[in-house]
C-alpha cells in the first residue's frame, strides 16, 4: 500500500474531528514502518563536544548562559518554519505509538512536517510548504505582495524589513515586527545574554552581549553587529538573532532566528591570518572591469576558527552550516567588512562521514588521491572570503542593494558567486606561495565531490541551486567531464581554471548590474540535475546526507 499514514492524521488533527489522539493515529498506520527509519538514516549523529581544558570556570558559566539564550529562540524558528509545526509536535509528543517517536524525531530535525532533503515535500500531512514559510500568509503570492507595495508605497520600508511578519487584517496586508510577535521568547534570550555580559571578564564580549540583548528587543541590530566585528580575540562567541533569509522562498526578505554558540580554536585561527591580509588584492584581481569592483575592501577581522558546541533554530535545522560570513547588513560590510567563522569540528565531521564515501562513488579513480581534508577546509574558507567581494550595491546607484533588486534569486546567485569567486581567488594564494602548486587540483577535485554532497539536500534551496548552476556551467565548458563507460565524473584542470574565471565574471556582473531577469533565467536553465548525475545521487542512499547534532551534557549542568 502506498504510504499515506500521517496525511489523514494531520488532516483530522486540524479539522477538529471529534476523536482521541490514539484513534486518529490508529486510523492511518503505514504498512511500511521502515520508511521513516530510512529518512532518519540520512543523518549521521555527531556530538558537539566541549573542550573543558580550554575554558576556565568563569568561561564555563558564561558558556552555559549563552546556551540558554540560544535555547530561548528555538521555538521562534519552529513558528517561522511553518505555522502549524508546534501544534504537530505537541500532538506527536502525546502519542503512545512507538512509530510516532520516529516521526517526532524526524519532525524535530526538519522543524516541521516537510523533508528538507526532498525538496520540502510533506512527510506528515497533505499541505505543501508555503513559499513564505510561516512569515507570510500561506496564500500570499509574490505578485500580490509586489502589487500591494506598489499601490501603497508608504508601507514599502516596513514590508521589506528582514524582521517583520506579513499578515492579513480586514482585507489588507500589514507588517508586524518580529520583536512584537515573538516578544516572550526574545525577552528570555535577552535576559540570559545580559547575565552572560555581567559575568564575563572579556570587556569586548560584554559590550557585544549587552548590545545584542537590546537588539533582540528593539529590532535594530546595527550597533551590536558593529560590536561583534570587534571580537577578534574572544574565546567564546554567540551568533543569535534573525540572520539569514533562506527560509523565505517567497521574497527572500525575511530572516529566520538562529543561535550558534562557539569556542575559538586559537591555534587554527592564528594560521588563518595570512588569508585575511589579502582581501584588497583579491578584490583588485577580480576578472571584471573596474566599475564592478569596490575601490577597497574594508579590513576584515581575522578569520576565526571555532568549534561549535550548540545550535538552535535555523542553525540547527536539517542542513547544517560549516562556515559563516557575517554580518549580512550591507552598512556594516561597507564600514567594517565581515567576519569569517570556520566551524572546524563540523567541517571535519562532514568530510569524514559524508564527503570521502561520496567521492569514492562518483569520481573517476584517478581523482581520488586528490580528495583532501585541507582542501575542503580551505574551499570553505574561500567561499566565505568571497562573499564580501564585488559590489554590495547596484553599479552606479548606492541607494539600491544587490539583495533588494535580485529579490528571491539573490541567495542562489550570491552562493554561486561565493563558490566560484572563492575557487578563482585560490590562484592568488598559489601564486604568492601561501598554498603549494598542487593545491589547485586538490581544490577542484574536492569541490567537485562536494557538489554531490550539497545537491543531495535538493536542488531547490539556495545552496543546492548554486551548486547546480556551477556544475552545469562547468559541464558545458568541458571542465567537468562525464565518463559514460565508468559512469563517473572527471575534470580537466586547464578548462576548469578558464571556466571558473569566466563564470566568476558573469556572476559578478549579474550582481553589479542588478540583472534580475538574467539571474532568474540562469536559475531556470542551470539549476537542474542532469540525468546521469541523478542516477549517481540515487546510488548514494546508504551514505548519510547530513549531520544531526547532540550536545555535550556539560552545557546543561
Protein backbone atom coordinates (compact mmCIF):
# COMPACT_ATOMS: atom_id res chain seq x y z
CA UNK A 1 0.00 0.00 0.00
CA UNK A 2 1.27 3.50 -0.87
CA UNK A 3 2.37 5.34 2.26
CA UNK A 4 -0.16 7.97 3.38
CA UNK A 5 -0.15 7.28 7.11
CA UNK A 6 0.42 10.75 8.53
CA UNK A 7 -1.62 12.58 5.92
CA UNK A 8 -5.05 11.79 7.34
CA UNK A 9 -3.74 12.15 10.88
CA UNK A 10 -2.88 15.79 10.34
CA UNK A 11 -5.98 16.47 8.32
CA UNK A 12 -8.03 15.21 11.26
CA UNK A 13 -5.95 16.95 13.87
CA UNK A 14 -6.53 20.35 12.33
CA UNK A 15 -10.13 19.91 11.24
CA UNK A 16 -11.19 19.25 14.86
CA UNK A 17 -12.85 15.89 14.18
CA UNK A 18 -14.03 14.60 17.50
CA UNK A 19 -11.94 11.57 18.38
CA UNK A 20 -9.00 10.88 20.61
CA UNK A 21 -5.38 11.24 19.53
CA UNK A 22 -4.91 7.48 19.81
CA UNK A 23 -7.90 6.90 17.49
CA UNK A 24 -6.58 9.35 14.92
CA UNK A 25 -3.20 7.69 14.91
CA UNK A 26 -4.61 4.20 14.58
CA UNK A 27 -6.78 5.23 11.63
CA UNK A 28 -3.78 5.71 9.36
CA UNK A 29 -0.89 3.42 10.06
CA UNK A 30 1.63 2.78 7.28
CA UNK A 31 2.31 -0.83 6.39
CA UNK A 32 5.92 0.24 5.75
CA UNK A 33 7.27 1.39 9.13
CA UNK A 34 10.80 1.33 7.71
CA UNK A 35 10.10 4.41 5.58
CA UNK A 36 10.57 6.93 8.36
CA UNK A 37 13.58 4.98 9.65
CA UNK A 38 15.19 5.27 6.21
CA UNK A 39 14.71 9.03 6.34
CA UNK A 40 16.34 9.21 9.77
CA UNK A 41 19.26 7.14 8.47
CA UNK A 42 20.15 10.02 6.16
CA UNK A 43 21.63 11.81 9.17
CA UNK A 44 24.86 10.85 10.90
CA UNK A 45 24.77 11.70 14.60
CA UNK A 46 27.65 13.82 15.87
CA UNK A 47 28.09 15.02 19.44
CA UNK A 48 29.45 18.54 19.66
CA UNK A 49 31.97 18.12 22.46
CA UNK A 50 33.19 20.90 24.74
CA UNK A 51 36.94 21.10 25.32
CA UNK A 52 36.73 21.96 29.00
CA UNK A 53 40.51 22.23 29.27
CA UNK A 54 40.40 25.33 27.05
CA UNK A 55 38.00 27.19 29.39
CA UNK A 56 38.31 28.48 32.93
CA UNK A 57 35.50 28.34 35.48
CA UNK A 58 34.18 31.80 34.62
CA UNK A 59 34.05 30.97 30.93
CA UNK A 60 32.10 27.78 31.60
CA UNK A 61 29.44 29.79 33.46
CA UNK A 62 29.25 32.29 30.61
CA UNK A 63 29.05 29.46 28.08
CA UNK A 64 26.02 27.95 29.80
CA UNK A 65 24.24 31.35 29.80
CA UNK A 66 24.87 31.69 26.07
CA UNK A 67 23.38 28.24 25.50
CA UNK A 68 20.29 29.23 27.48
CA UNK A 69 19.90 32.34 25.31
CA UNK A 70 20.17 30.24 22.15
CA UNK A 71 17.65 27.73 23.52
CA UNK A 72 15.14 30.51 24.10
CA UNK A 73 14.85 31.41 20.43
CA UNK A 74 14.40 27.83 19.19
CA UNK A 75 10.60 27.89 19.28
CA UNK A 76 10.60 31.12 17.29
CA UNK A 77 12.10 29.28 14.35
CA UNK A 78 9.54 26.50 14.74
CA UNK A 79 6.85 29.14 14.22
CA UNK A 80 8.70 30.81 11.35
CA UNK A 81 9.24 27.50 9.57
CA UNK A 82 5.53 26.63 9.39
CA UNK A 83 2.60 27.96 11.37
CA UNK A 84 1.37 24.52 12.43
CA UNK A 85 4.75 22.96 13.29
CA UNK A 86 4.49 23.39 17.06
CA UNK A 87 0.95 22.00 17.12
CA UNK A 88 2.06 18.93 15.15
CA UNK A 89 4.99 18.47 17.52
CA UNK A 90 2.68 18.62 20.51
CA UNK A 91 0.34 16.00 19.01
CA UNK A 92 3.21 13.60 18.33
CA UNK A 93 4.62 14.13 21.83
CA UNK A 94 1.27 12.95 23.23
CA UNK A 95 1.21 9.79 21.14
CA UNK A 96 1.93 6.41 22.71
CA UNK A 97 2.56 4.74 19.36
CA UNK A 98 6.23 3.64 19.03
CA UNK A 99 6.43 4.68 15.37
CA UNK A 100 5.48 8.23 16.28
CA UNK A 101 8.70 8.58 18.23
CA UNK A 102 10.45 8.26 14.88
CA UNK A 103 8.09 10.75 13.27
CA UNK A 104 8.65 13.16 16.13
CA UNK A 105 12.41 12.71 15.77
CA UNK A 106 12.26 13.50 12.04
CA UNK A 107 9.90 16.42 12.65
CA UNK A 108 12.44 17.86 15.10
CA UNK A 109 15.28 17.51 12.60
CA UNK A 110 13.25 19.42 9.98
CA UNK A 111 11.49 21.85 12.36
CA UNK A 112 8.24 20.94 10.68
CA UNK A 113 6.47 18.31 8.55
CA UNK A 114 8.47 18.94 5.36
CA UNK A 115 11.51 16.92 4.35
CA UNK A 116 14.25 19.44 3.61
CA UNK A 117 16.29 16.80 1.83
CA UNK A 118 13.43 16.02 -0.53
CA UNK A 119 12.51 19.43 -1.94
CA UNK A 120 10.39 20.26 1.14
CA UNK A 121 7.83 17.55 0.38
CA UNK A 122 5.44 16.81 3.23
CA UNK A 123 6.13 13.65 5.22
CA UNK A 124 3.23 14.48 7.56
CA UNK A 125 0.00 16.00 6.32
CA UNK A 126 -1.47 16.95 2.98
CA UNK A 127 -0.24 20.54 2.86
CA UNK A 128 2.56 21.87 0.71
CA UNK A 129 5.02 24.14 2.43
CA UNK A 130 4.11 27.76 1.68
CA UNK A 131 6.95 29.60 -0.12
CA UNK A 132 6.86 32.22 2.60
CA UNK A 133 7.08 29.58 5.35
CA UNK A 134 5.43 30.97 8.48
CA UNK A 135 6.35 34.59 7.79
CA UNK A 136 3.63 35.49 5.27
CA UNK A 137 0.01 34.43 4.79
CA UNK A 138 0.02 30.93 3.34
CA UNK A 139 -1.90 32.03 0.24
CA UNK A 140 0.14 35.17 -0.46
CA UNK A 141 1.84 35.27 -3.86
CA UNK A 142 4.86 37.27 -4.91
CA UNK A 143 2.75 39.22 -7.41
CA UNK A 144 0.20 40.17 -4.74
CA UNK A 145 2.97 41.30 -2.38
CA UNK A 146 4.63 43.46 -5.03
CA UNK A 147 1.37 44.92 -6.30
CA UNK A 148 0.27 45.81 -2.76
CA UNK A 149 3.55 47.62 -2.11
CA UNK A 150 3.30 49.41 -5.46
CA UNK A 151 -0.22 50.63 -4.63
CA UNK A 152 0.77 51.52 -1.04
CA UNK A 153 4.32 52.91 -1.25
CA UNK A 154 4.18 54.15 2.34
CA UNK A 155 4.40 50.52 3.57
CA UNK A 156 7.46 49.58 1.50
CA UNK A 157 10.07 50.17 4.20
CA UNK A 158 8.27 48.03 6.78
CA UNK A 159 7.33 45.33 4.28
CA UNK A 160 10.91 44.98 3.06
CA UNK A 161 12.48 44.78 6.51
CA UNK A 162 14.14 41.50 7.38
CA UNK A 163 12.41 41.43 10.78
CA UNK A 164 8.71 41.91 10.05
CA UNK A 165 5.98 39.34 9.51
CA UNK A 166 3.32 39.97 6.88
CA UNK A 167 -0.26 39.23 7.91
CA UNK A 168 -3.77 39.83 6.57
CA UNK A 169 -6.07 42.09 8.56
CA UNK A 170 -9.52 43.11 7.36
CA UNK A 171 -8.56 42.62 3.73
CA UNK A 172 -5.25 44.47 3.97
CA UNK A 173 -1.69 43.30 4.34
CA UNK A 174 0.15 44.55 7.41
CA UNK A 175 3.73 44.26 8.68
CA UNK A 176 4.20 43.08 12.28
CA UNK A 177 7.66 43.49 13.89
CA UNK A 178 9.28 40.24 14.95
CA UNK A 179 10.01 41.90 18.29
CA UNK A 180 6.28 42.21 18.89
CA UNK A 181 5.27 38.77 17.58
CA UNK A 182 7.96 36.81 19.44
CA UNK A 183 8.34 39.06 22.49
CA UNK A 184 8.14 36.41 25.20
CA UNK A 185 10.95 34.27 23.80
CA UNK A 186 13.09 37.29 22.98
CA UNK A 187 12.85 38.66 26.49
CA UNK A 188 14.10 35.33 27.88
CA UNK A 189 17.01 35.24 25.41
CA UNK A 190 17.91 38.85 26.13
CA UNK A 191 17.91 38.23 29.88
CA UNK A 192 20.38 35.35 29.51
CA UNK A 193 22.64 37.46 27.29
CA UNK A 194 22.66 40.21 29.92
CA UNK A 195 23.54 37.69 32.63
CA UNK A 196 26.42 36.44 30.50
CA UNK A 197 27.56 40.03 29.94
CA UNK A 198 27.62 40.69 33.67
CA UNK A 199 29.70 37.59 34.35
CA UNK A 200 32.30 37.66 31.57
CA UNK A 201 35.72 39.19 32.11
CA UNK A 202 36.06 39.93 28.37
CA UNK A 203 35.14 43.62 28.00
CA UNK A 204 34.52 43.48 24.24
CA UNK A 205 32.34 40.40 24.60
CA UNK A 206 30.46 42.14 27.42
CA UNK A 207 29.74 45.11 25.14
CA UNK A 208 28.53 42.89 22.32
CA UNK A 209 26.29 40.75 24.52
CA UNK A 210 24.68 43.81 26.11
CA UNK A 211 24.04 45.42 22.72
CA UNK A 212 22.75 42.16 21.28
CA UNK A 213 20.30 41.78 24.15
CA UNK A 214 18.98 45.27 23.40
CA UNK A 215 18.85 44.48 19.68
CA UNK A 216 16.75 41.35 20.15
CA UNK A 217 14.06 43.52 21.76
CA UNK A 218 14.37 46.64 19.59
CA UNK A 219 14.95 45.03 16.18
CA UNK A 220 17.88 47.35 15.43
CA UNK A 221 20.98 45.17 15.09
CA UNK A 222 23.40 47.70 13.64
CA UNK A 223 25.28 48.61 16.83
CA UNK A 224 25.52 45.02 18.01
CA UNK A 225 26.73 43.91 14.57
CA UNK A 226 29.41 46.59 14.70
CA UNK A 227 30.41 45.42 18.19
CA UNK A 228 30.55 41.79 17.00
CA UNK A 229 33.02 42.84 14.32
CA UNK A 230 35.41 43.95 17.08
CA UNK A 231 35.57 40.46 18.61
CA UNK A 232 38.92 39.30 17.27
CA UNK A 233 40.45 37.56 20.29
CA UNK A 234 37.38 36.30 22.14
CA UNK A 235 37.39 32.70 23.34
CA UNK A 236 33.57 32.43 23.47
CA UNK A 237 31.17 33.64 20.82
CA UNK A 238 27.48 33.55 20.04
CA UNK A 239 25.56 34.37 16.88
CA UNK A 240 21.93 34.96 17.79
CA UNK A 241 19.01 36.70 16.14
CA UNK A 242 17.28 36.83 12.75
CA UNK A 243 20.26 36.25 10.46
CA UNK A 244 19.74 34.52 7.10
CA UNK A 245 16.75 34.71 4.73
CA UNK A 246 16.93 31.24 3.13
CA UNK A 247 13.67 30.19 4.78
CA UNK A 248 11.83 32.91 2.85
CA UNK A 249 11.35 31.37 -0.58
CA UNK A 250 8.64 33.90 -1.48
CA UNK A 251 10.57 37.18 -1.48
CA UNK A 252 13.96 36.36 0.02
CA UNK A 253 13.49 39.16 2.56
CA UNK A 254 12.57 37.77 5.97
CA UNK A 255 15.32 36.49 8.26
CA UNK A 256 14.99 33.39 10.42
CA UNK A 257 16.12 33.18 14.05
CA UNK A 258 19.11 31.07 14.95
CA UNK A 259 21.60 30.58 17.73
CA UNK A 260 25.20 29.32 17.44
CA UNK A 261 27.47 29.05 20.48
CA UNK A 262 31.17 28.53 19.74
CA UNK A 263 34.62 28.20 21.31
CA UNK A 264 37.63 29.58 19.44
CA UNK A 265 40.42 27.28 18.26
CA UNK A 266 43.23 29.77 18.85
CA UNK A 267 46.00 27.83 17.13
CA UNK A 268 43.99 27.27 13.95
CA UNK A 269 42.82 30.89 13.98
CA UNK A 270 46.39 32.18 14.05
CA UNK A 271 47.18 30.15 10.95
CA UNK A 272 44.41 31.94 9.01
CA UNK A 273 45.78 35.47 9.32
CA UNK A 274 47.66 35.30 6.02
CA UNK A 275 44.38 34.92 4.12
CA UNK A 276 42.72 37.99 5.63
CA UNK A 277 45.63 40.26 4.74
CA UNK A 278 44.90 39.73 1.03
CA UNK A 279 41.30 41.00 0.81
CA UNK A 280 42.13 44.12 -1.20
CA UNK A 281 44.35 42.11 -3.55
CA UNK A 282 41.52 39.63 -4.09
CA UNK A 283 39.11 42.46 -4.90
CA UNK A 284 41.61 44.09 -7.27
CA UNK A 285 42.22 40.89 -9.25
CA UNK A 286 38.52 40.08 -9.81
CA UNK A 287 38.09 39.28 -13.53
CA UNK A 288 35.69 42.16 -14.25
CA UNK A 289 36.01 45.85 -15.27
CA UNK A 290 36.72 48.34 -12.50
CA UNK A 291 33.10 49.52 -12.32
CA UNK A 292 32.22 46.12 -10.86
CA UNK A 293 34.82 46.31 -8.08
CA UNK A 294 34.92 48.14 -4.80
CA UNK A 295 37.61 50.80 -4.53
CA UNK A 296 38.75 48.92 -1.46
CA UNK A 297 37.52 46.21 0.84
CA UNK A 298 37.34 47.21 4.47
CA UNK A 299 39.98 45.42 6.55
CA UNK A 300 38.25 42.33 7.81
CA UNK A 301 38.53 41.00 11.30
CA UNK A 302 40.86 38.00 11.38
CA UNK A 303 39.29 34.75 10.28
CA UNK A 304 38.07 32.88 13.32
CA UNK A 305 38.30 29.11 13.52
CA UNK A 306 35.83 27.86 16.10
CA UNK A 307 34.38 24.62 17.37
CA UNK A 308 30.62 24.85 17.54
CA UNK A 309 29.12 23.45 20.75
CA UNK A 310 25.43 24.36 20.49
CA UNK A 311 22.98 25.31 17.74
CA UNK A 312 19.30 26.24 17.68
CA UNK A 313 16.67 27.41 15.25
CA UNK A 314 17.78 27.97 11.67
CA UNK A 315 21.34 26.89 12.57
CA UNK A 316 20.09 23.52 13.82
CA UNK A 317 17.62 22.66 11.08
CA UNK A 318 18.34 19.66 8.83
CA UNK A 319 21.12 21.08 6.64
CA UNK A 320 23.97 22.29 8.86
CA UNK A 321 26.32 25.16 8.03
CA UNK A 322 30.08 24.72 8.11
CA UNK A 323 31.09 28.38 7.98
CA UNK A 324 29.68 31.87 8.38
CA UNK A 325 30.35 35.23 6.78
CA UNK A 326 28.57 37.85 8.88
CA UNK A 327 27.01 40.33 9.41
CA UNK A 328 24.66 40.41 6.42
CA UNK A 329 23.92 44.15 6.93
CA UNK A 330 25.39 45.94 3.91
CA UNK A 331 26.12 49.04 6.02
CA UNK A 332 28.36 47.06 8.37
CA UNK A 333 30.05 45.30 5.45
CA UNK A 334 30.82 48.67 3.84
CA UNK A 335 32.25 50.10 7.08
CA UNK A 336 34.00 47.10 8.63
CA UNK A 337 33.81 44.24 6.16
CA UNK A 338 32.70 40.88 7.53
CA UNK A 339 33.95 38.27 9.93
CA UNK A 340 34.55 34.81 8.58
CA UNK A 341 33.90 31.98 11.02
CA UNK A 342 35.05 28.46 10.16
CA UNK A 343 33.21 25.74 12.14
CA UNK A 344 36.13 23.34 12.31
CA UNK A 345 34.54 20.40 14.08
CA UNK A 346 31.55 20.42 11.74
CA UNK A 347 33.73 20.73 8.61
CA UNK A 348 35.82 17.74 9.62
CA UNK A 349 32.78 15.67 10.58
CA UNK A 350 31.15 16.26 7.18
CA UNK A 351 34.38 15.49 5.33
CA UNK A 352 34.97 12.21 7.13
CA UNK A 353 31.41 10.90 7.41
CA UNK A 354 29.99 12.11 4.10
CA UNK A 355 32.40 13.56 1.54
CA UNK A 356 35.02 10.80 1.48
CA UNK A 357 32.48 7.99 0.93
CA UNK A 358 30.72 10.02 -1.77
CA UNK A 359 33.93 10.74 -3.65
CA UNK A 360 34.65 7.02 -3.91
CA UNK A 361 31.32 6.50 -5.68
CA UNK A 362 31.12 9.48 -8.06
CA UNK A 363 34.67 10.41 -9.11
CA UNK A 364 36.96 8.74 -11.62
CA UNK A 365 39.54 6.60 -9.87
CA UNK A 366 42.48 8.77 -10.88
CA UNK A 367 40.96 11.74 -8.99
CA UNK A 368 40.54 10.03 -5.63
CA UNK A 369 44.08 10.79 -4.32
CA UNK A 370 43.22 14.49 -4.64
CA UNK A 371 40.21 14.37 -2.31
CA UNK A 372 41.71 16.26 0.60
CA UNK A 373 40.50 17.43 4.01
CA UNK A 374 42.69 20.53 3.96
CA UNK A 375 41.29 21.43 0.53
CA UNK A 376 37.72 21.01 1.84
CA UNK A 377 38.54 23.29 4.78
CA UNK A 378 40.21 25.87 2.51
CA UNK A 379 37.42 25.79 -0.09
CA UNK A 380 35.00 26.52 2.72
CA UNK A 381 37.20 29.39 3.84
CA UNK A 382 37.49 30.82 0.32
CA UNK A 383 33.72 30.65 -0.11
CA UNK A 384 33.25 32.85 2.95
CA UNK A 385 36.05 35.22 1.96
CA UNK A 386 34.39 35.68 -1.43
CA UNK A 387 31.03 36.83 -0.06
CA UNK A 388 32.13 40.46 0.50
CA UNK A 389 33.93 40.66 -2.86
CA UNK A 390 32.23 42.51 -5.68
CA UNK A 391 29.51 45.13 -5.31
CA UNK A 392 27.00 45.24 -2.46
CA UNK A 393 25.05 48.00 -4.22
CA UNK A 394 23.93 48.10 -7.85
CA UNK A 395 26.54 49.69 -10.10
CA UNK A 396 26.07 53.47 -10.17
CA UNK A 397 23.30 53.51 -7.55
CA UNK A 398 24.40 53.35 -3.93
CA UNK A 399 20.81 53.54 -2.72
CA UNK A 400 19.83 50.14 -4.15
CA UNK A 401 21.30 46.94 -2.75
CA UNK A 402 22.01 43.92 -4.92
CA UNK A 403 19.98 41.85 -2.45
CA UNK A 404 16.87 44.00 -2.95
CA UNK A 405 16.94 44.11 -6.76
CA UNK A 406 17.69 40.40 -7.28
CA UNK A 407 14.82 39.54 -4.92
CA UNK A 408 14.21 35.80 -4.48
CA UNK A 409 17.12 34.92 -6.81
CA UNK A 410 19.68 36.74 -4.67
CA UNK A 411 20.73 33.98 -2.30
CA UNK A 412 21.21 31.35 -5.01
CA UNK A 413 23.23 33.78 -7.15
CA UNK A 414 25.24 35.01 -4.17
CA UNK A 415 26.03 31.47 -3.02
CA UNK A 416 27.14 30.60 -6.56
CA UNK A 417 29.32 33.68 -6.66
CA UNK A 418 30.92 32.80 -3.35
CA UNK A 419 31.76 29.28 -4.52
CA UNK A 420 33.18 30.36 -7.87
CA UNK A 421 34.98 33.55 -6.85
CA UNK A 422 36.42 31.62 -3.91
CA UNK A 423 37.87 29.00 -6.27
CA UNK A 424 39.13 31.70 -8.62
CA UNK A 425 40.82 33.52 -5.74
CA UNK A 426 42.86 30.46 -4.80
CA UNK A 427 45.14 31.45 -7.67
CA UNK A 428 46.39 34.43 -5.68
CA UNK A 429 47.49 32.26 -2.78
CA UNK A 430 49.13 29.70 -5.05
CA UNK A 431 50.99 32.42 -6.95
CA UNK A 432 52.22 34.05 -3.73
CA UNK A 433 53.37 30.75 -2.21
CA UNK A 434 50.81 30.64 0.59
CA UNK A 435 49.47 27.42 -0.91
CA UNK A 436 51.53 24.79 -2.79
CA UNK A 437 51.20 24.43 -6.61
CA UNK A 438 49.41 21.07 -6.40
CA UNK A 439 46.69 22.58 -4.22
CA UNK A 440 44.70 23.75 -7.25
CA UNK A 441 43.99 20.17 -8.37
CA UNK A 442 43.07 19.14 -4.83
CA UNK A 443 40.73 22.12 -4.51
CA UNK A 444 39.00 21.40 -7.84
CA UNK A 445 38.57 17.67 -7.19
CA UNK A 446 37.34 18.16 -3.63
CA UNK A 447 34.93 20.86 -4.80
CA UNK A 448 33.53 18.52 -7.45
CA UNK A 449 32.90 15.82 -4.85
CA UNK A 450 31.36 18.39 -2.51
CA UNK A 451 28.81 19.37 -5.19
CA UNK A 452 27.35 15.87 -4.89
CA UNK A 453 27.32 16.23 -1.12
CA UNK A 454 25.42 19.52 -1.33
CA UNK A 455 22.96 18.62 -4.08
CA UNK A 456 21.72 15.64 -2.10
CA UNK A 457 19.90 18.25 0.02
CA UNK A 458 17.83 19.02 -3.08
CA UNK A 459 18.33 21.47 -5.91
CA UNK A 460 15.58 23.87 -4.89
CA UNK A 461 17.12 25.74 -1.94
CA UNK A 462 19.81 28.38 -2.42
CA UNK A 463 22.88 26.21 -1.83
CA UNK A 464 21.58 23.38 -3.99
CA UNK A 465 20.71 25.77 -6.79
CA UNK A 466 24.16 27.35 -6.52
CA UNK A 467 25.89 24.00 -6.86
CA UNK A 468 23.85 23.02 -9.91
CA UNK A 469 24.43 26.34 -11.67
CA UNK A 470 28.18 25.87 -11.19
CA UNK A 471 28.13 22.18 -12.12
CA UNK A 472 26.16 22.65 -15.35
CA UNK A 473 28.16 25.68 -16.39
CA UNK A 474 31.44 23.79 -15.92
CA UNK A 475 29.99 20.75 -17.67
CA UNK A 476 29.04 22.90 -20.67
CA UNK A 477 32.60 24.29 -20.73
CA UNK A 478 34.13 20.78 -20.71
CA UNK A 479 35.74 21.48 -17.38
CA UNK A 480 33.76 18.68 -15.74
CA UNK A 481 33.72 15.51 -17.82
CA UNK A 482 31.35 12.55 -17.65
CA UNK A 483 32.84 9.11 -18.31
CA UNK A 484 29.96 7.18 -19.87
CA UNK A 485 31.69 3.80 -19.55
CA UNK A 486 32.61 4.16 -15.88
CA UNK A 487 29.50 6.25 -15.09
CA UNK A 488 31.67 8.62 -13.04
CA UNK A 489 32.89 12.19 -13.33
CA UNK A 490 36.36 13.57 -14.03
CA UNK A 491 37.69 17.03 -14.79
CA UNK A 492 40.12 18.93 -16.99
CA UNK A 493 42.17 21.27 -14.79
CA UNK A 494 43.03 23.76 -17.57
CA UNK A 495 39.43 24.02 -18.74
CA UNK A 496 38.35 24.26 -15.10
CA UNK A 497 40.65 27.23 -14.48
CA UNK A 498 39.39 29.09 -17.57
CA UNK A 499 35.72 28.29 -16.99
CA UNK A 500 35.85 29.37 -13.35
CA UNK A 501 37.33 32.73 -14.36
CA UNK A 502 34.62 33.21 -16.98
CA UNK A 503 31.82 32.17 -14.63
CA UNK A 504 33.14 34.43 -11.85
CA UNK A 505 32.98 37.40 -14.22
CA UNK A 506 29.42 36.58 -15.30
CA UNK A 507 28.18 36.30 -11.72
CA UNK A 508 29.90 39.47 -10.52
CA UNK A 509 28.32 41.41 -13.39
CA UNK A 510 24.84 39.95 -12.81
CA UNK A 511 25.08 41.23 -9.25
CA UNK A 512 26.68 44.54 -10.15
CA UNK A 513 24.08 45.24 -12.84
CA UNK A 514 21.25 44.06 -10.60
CA UNK A 515 20.14 41.92 -13.56
CA UNK A 516 17.12 40.15 -12.08
CA UNK A 517 15.92 38.73 -15.39
CA UNK A 518 19.27 37.15 -16.19
CA UNK A 519 19.57 35.76 -12.66
CA UNK A 520 16.11 34.25 -12.99
CA UNK A 521 16.94 32.79 -16.42
CA UNK A 522 20.18 31.23 -15.14
CA UNK A 523 18.40 29.53 -12.27
CA UNK A 524 15.68 28.22 -14.56
CA UNK A 525 18.15 26.85 -17.10
CA UNK A 526 21.10 25.73 -14.97
CA UNK A 527 19.71 24.85 -11.54
CA UNK A 528 18.65 21.40 -12.73
CA UNK A 529 20.14 17.96 -12.09
CA UNK A 530 21.29 16.07 -15.21
CA UNK A 531 20.01 12.50 -15.62
CA UNK A 532 23.48 10.96 -15.25
CA UNK A 533 24.14 12.90 -12.07
CA UNK A 534 20.75 11.97 -10.62
CA UNK A 535 21.48 8.30 -11.20
CA UNK A 536 24.69 8.63 -9.19
CA UNK A 537 22.95 10.59 -6.44
CA UNK A 538 20.29 7.89 -6.20
CA UNK A 539 23.04 5.32 -5.67
CA UNK A 540 24.27 7.11 -2.54
CA UNK A 541 21.29 6.29 -0.33
CA UNK A 542 23.37 4.31 2.14
CA UNK A 543 25.65 7.30 2.81
CA UNK A 544 24.37 9.93 5.28
CA UNK A 545 23.33 13.20 3.69
CA UNK A 546 23.97 15.47 6.64
CA UNK A 547 24.54 15.61 10.37
CA UNK A 548 22.29 15.59 13.37
CA UNK A 549 23.81 17.21 16.43
CA UNK A 550 23.68 16.06 20.00
CA UNK A 551 25.14 18.29 22.68
CA UNK A 552 27.62 17.76 25.47
CA UNK A 553 25.77 17.32 28.79
CA UNK A 554 28.29 19.67 30.41
CA UNK A 555 26.42 22.56 28.78
CA UNK A 556 23.35 21.88 30.90
CA UNK A 557 24.86 21.25 34.33
